[in-house]
Amino acid sequence: MEGVIVNFRRGKTTMKGNQMVLVVDGVNTKAKTEKLIGKKVIWKSPGNKEITGKITMPHGNKGAVRVLFEKGMPGQSIGQKVRIE
């Protein structure tokens, strides 16, 4: 299964460096995101390093999810695909 990183999880003045908002292909409701919670997410960098994370909870009502990564994510990861296992 694949998804796309949309943005960092953020507020008006703060940004969480290791938390990202992810949109998953084929998931468009909050009810469908419940099946994804706890799954592993892997992002592969251009330097062939893998950063792993875990889906923690839904984000909004249109099928986006929050992902907690093991360390801070670079800005170049926005808009790139991730693998969900």
C-alpha atoms as a PDB file:
ATOM      1  CA  MET A   1       0.000   0.000   0.000  1.00  0.00           C
ATOM      2  CA  GLU A   2       1.248   3.501  -0.757  1.00  0.00           C
ATOM      3  CA  GLY A   3       0.598   6.998   0.487  1.00  0.00           C
ATOM      4  CA  VAL A   4       1.856  10.547  -0.041  1.00  0.00           C
ATOM      5  CA  ILE A   5       3.304  12.850   2.610  1.00  0.00           C
ATOM      6  CA  VAL A   6       1.262  16.046   2.574  1.00  0.00           C
ATOM      7  CA  ASN A   7       2.853  18.209   5.262  1.00  0.00           C
ATOM      8  CA  PHE A   8       4.310  18.368   8.739  1.00  0.00           C
ATOM      9  CA  ARG A   9       1.858  18.219  11.613  1.00  0.00           C
ATOM     10  CA  ARG A  10       1.723  21.832  12.705  1.00  0.00           C
ATOM     11  CA  GLY A  11      -0.156  24.574  14.431  1.00  0.00           C
ATOM     12  CA  LYS A  12      -0.274  28.278  13.780  1.00  0.00           C
ATOM     13  CA  THR A  13       3.213  28.962  15.148  1.00  0.00           C
ATOM     14  CA  THR A  14       4.689  25.529  15.866  1.00  0.00           C
ATOM     15  CA  MET A  15       5.781  22.563  13.774  1.00  0.00           C
ATOM     16  CA  LYS A  16       6.421  18.972  14.841  1.00  0.00           C
ATOM     17  CA  GLY A  17       9.564  17.811  13.033  1.00  0.00           C
ATOM     18  CA  ASN A  18       8.951  14.091  13.410  1.00  0.00           C
ATOM     19  CA  GLN A  19       5.176  14.020  12.800  1.00  0.00           C
ATOM     20  CA  MET A  20       3.750  14.099   9.292  1.00  0.00           C
ATOM     21  CA  VAL A  21       0.284  14.124   7.727  1.00  0.00           C
ATOM     22  CA  LEU A  22      -0.166  11.351   5.172  1.00  0.00           C
ATOM     23  CA  VAL A  23      -2.849  10.737   2.523  1.00  0.00           C
ATOM     24  CA  VAL A  24      -3.331   7.071   1.640  1.00  0.00           C
ATOM     25  CA  ASP A  25      -4.560   5.892  -1.760  1.00  0.00           C
ATOM     26  CA  GLY A  26      -8.157   4.638  -1.630  1.00  0.00           C
ATOM     27  CA  VAL A  27      -8.872   5.960   1.873  1.00  0.00           C
ATOM     28  CA  ASN A  28     -11.249   8.917   1.932  1.00  0.00           C
ATOM     29  CA  THR A  29     -13.201   8.642   5.208  1.00  0.00           C
ATOM     30  CA  LYS A  30     -12.289   8.703   8.864  1.00  0.00           C
ATOM     31  CA  ALA A  31     -13.820   5.238   9.372  1.00  0.00           C
ATOM     32  CA  LYS A  32     -11.451   3.670   6.825  1.00  0.00           C
ATOM     33  CA  THR A  33      -8.406   5.091   8.619  1.00  0.00           C
ATOM     34  CA  GLU A  34      -9.136   2.993  11.727  1.00  0.00           C
ATOM     35  CA  LYS A  35      -7.808  -0.097   9.908  1.00  0.00           C
ATOM     36  CA  LEU A  36      -4.458   1.620   9.268  1.00  0.00           C
ATOM     37  CA  ILE A  37      -3.627   2.620  12.842  1.00  0.00           C
ATOM     38  CA  GLY A  38      -0.503   0.858  14.084  1.00  0.00           C
ATOM     39  CA  LYS A  39       0.890   0.020  10.631  1.00  0.00           C
ATOM     40  CA  LYS A  40       4.514   0.697   9.730  1.00  0.00           C
ATOM     41  CA  VAL A  41       5.447   3.465   7.269  1.00  0.00           C
ATOM     42  CA  ILE A  42       8.770   3.589   5.402  1.00  0.00           C
ATOM     43  CA  TRP A  43      10.171   6.618   3.537  1.00  0.00           C
ATOM     44  CA  LYS A  44      13.240   6.102   1.397  1.00  0.00           C
ATOM     45  CA  SER A  45      15.548   9.117   1.063  1.00  0.00           C
ATOM     46  CA  PRO A  46      17.436  10.019  -2.129  1.00  0.00           C
ATOM     47  CA  GLY A  47      20.579   8.702  -0.409  1.00  0.00           C
ATOM     48  CA  ASN A  48      18.896   5.266  -0.014  1.00  0.00           C
ATOM     49  CA  LYS A  49      18.410   5.595   3.751  1.00  0.00           C
ATOM     50  CA  GLU A  50      15.100   4.454   5.169  1.00  0.00           C
ATOM     51  CA  ILE A  51      13.252   6.341   7.903  1.00  0.00           C
ATOM     52  CA  THR A  52      10.484   4.353   9.544  1.00  0.00           C
ATOM     53  CA  GLY A  53       7.405   5.519  11.363  1.00  0.00           C
ATOM     54  CA  LYS A  54       4.063   4.358  12.714  1.00  0.00           C
ATOM     55  CA  ILE A  55       0.522   5.512  11.942  1.00  0.00           C
ATOM     56  CA  THR A  56      -0.873   6.847  15.210  1.00  0.00           C
ATOM     57  CA  MET A  57      -4.317   8.350  14.536  1.00  0.00           C
ATOM     58  CA  PRO A  58      -6.621   9.937  11.935  1.00  0.00           C
ATOM     59  CA  HIS A  59      -6.088  13.553  10.933  1.00  0.00           C
ATOM     60  CA  GLY A  60      -9.346  15.270  10.028  1.00  0.00           C
ATOM     61  CA  ASN A  61     -12.430  13.690   8.457  1.00  0.00           C
ATOM     62  CA  LYS A  62     -11.272  13.043   4.882  1.00  0.00           C
ATOM     63  CA  GLY A  63      -8.993  10.056   5.309  1.00  0.00           C
ATOM     64  CA  ALA A  64      -5.641  11.624   6.212  1.00  0.00           C
ATOM     65  CA  VAL A  65      -3.571  10.029   8.988  1.00  0.00           C
ATOM     66  CA  ARG A  66      -0.826  11.167  11.346  1.00  0.00           C
ATOM     67  CA  VAL A  67       2.508   9.380  11.273  1.00  0.00           C
ATOM     68  CA  LEU A  68       5.082   9.495  14.068  1.00  0.00           C
ATOM     69  CA  PHE A  69       8.565   8.946  12.611  1.00  0.00           C
ATOM     70  CA  GLU A  70      11.586   7.821  14.610  1.00  0.00           C
ATOM     71  CA  LYS A  71      13.453  11.078  13.974  1.00  0.00           C
ATOM     72  CA  GLY A  72      12.926  14.440  12.299  1.00  0.00           C
ATOM     73  CA  MET A  73      11.942  14.367   8.644  1.00  0.00           C
ATOM     74  CA  PRO A  74      13.578  16.581   6.013  1.00  0.00           C
ATOM     75  CA  GLY A  75      11.466  19.080   4.084  1.00  0.00           C
ATOM     76  CA  GLN A  76      12.266  17.300   0.825  1.00  0.00           C
ATOM     77  CA  SER A  77      10.035  14.409   1.940  1.00  0.00           C
ATOM     78  CA  ILE A  78       6.877  16.498   1.399  1.00  0.00           C
ATOM     79  CA  GLY A  79       5.049  15.317  -1.702  1.00  0.00           C
ATOM     80  CA  GLN A  80       6.944  12.022  -1.938  1.00  0.00           C
ATOM     81  CA  LYS A  81       5.535   8.522  -1.703  1.00  0.00           C
ATOM     82  CA  VAL A  82       5.879   6.209   1.281  1.00  0.00           C
ATOM     83  CA  ARG A  83       5.341   2.468   1.642  1.00  0.00           C
ATOM     84  CA  ILE A  84       2.819   1.208   4.225  1.00  0.00           C
ATOM     85  CA  GLU A  85       3.233  -2.310   5.612  1.00  0.00           C
END
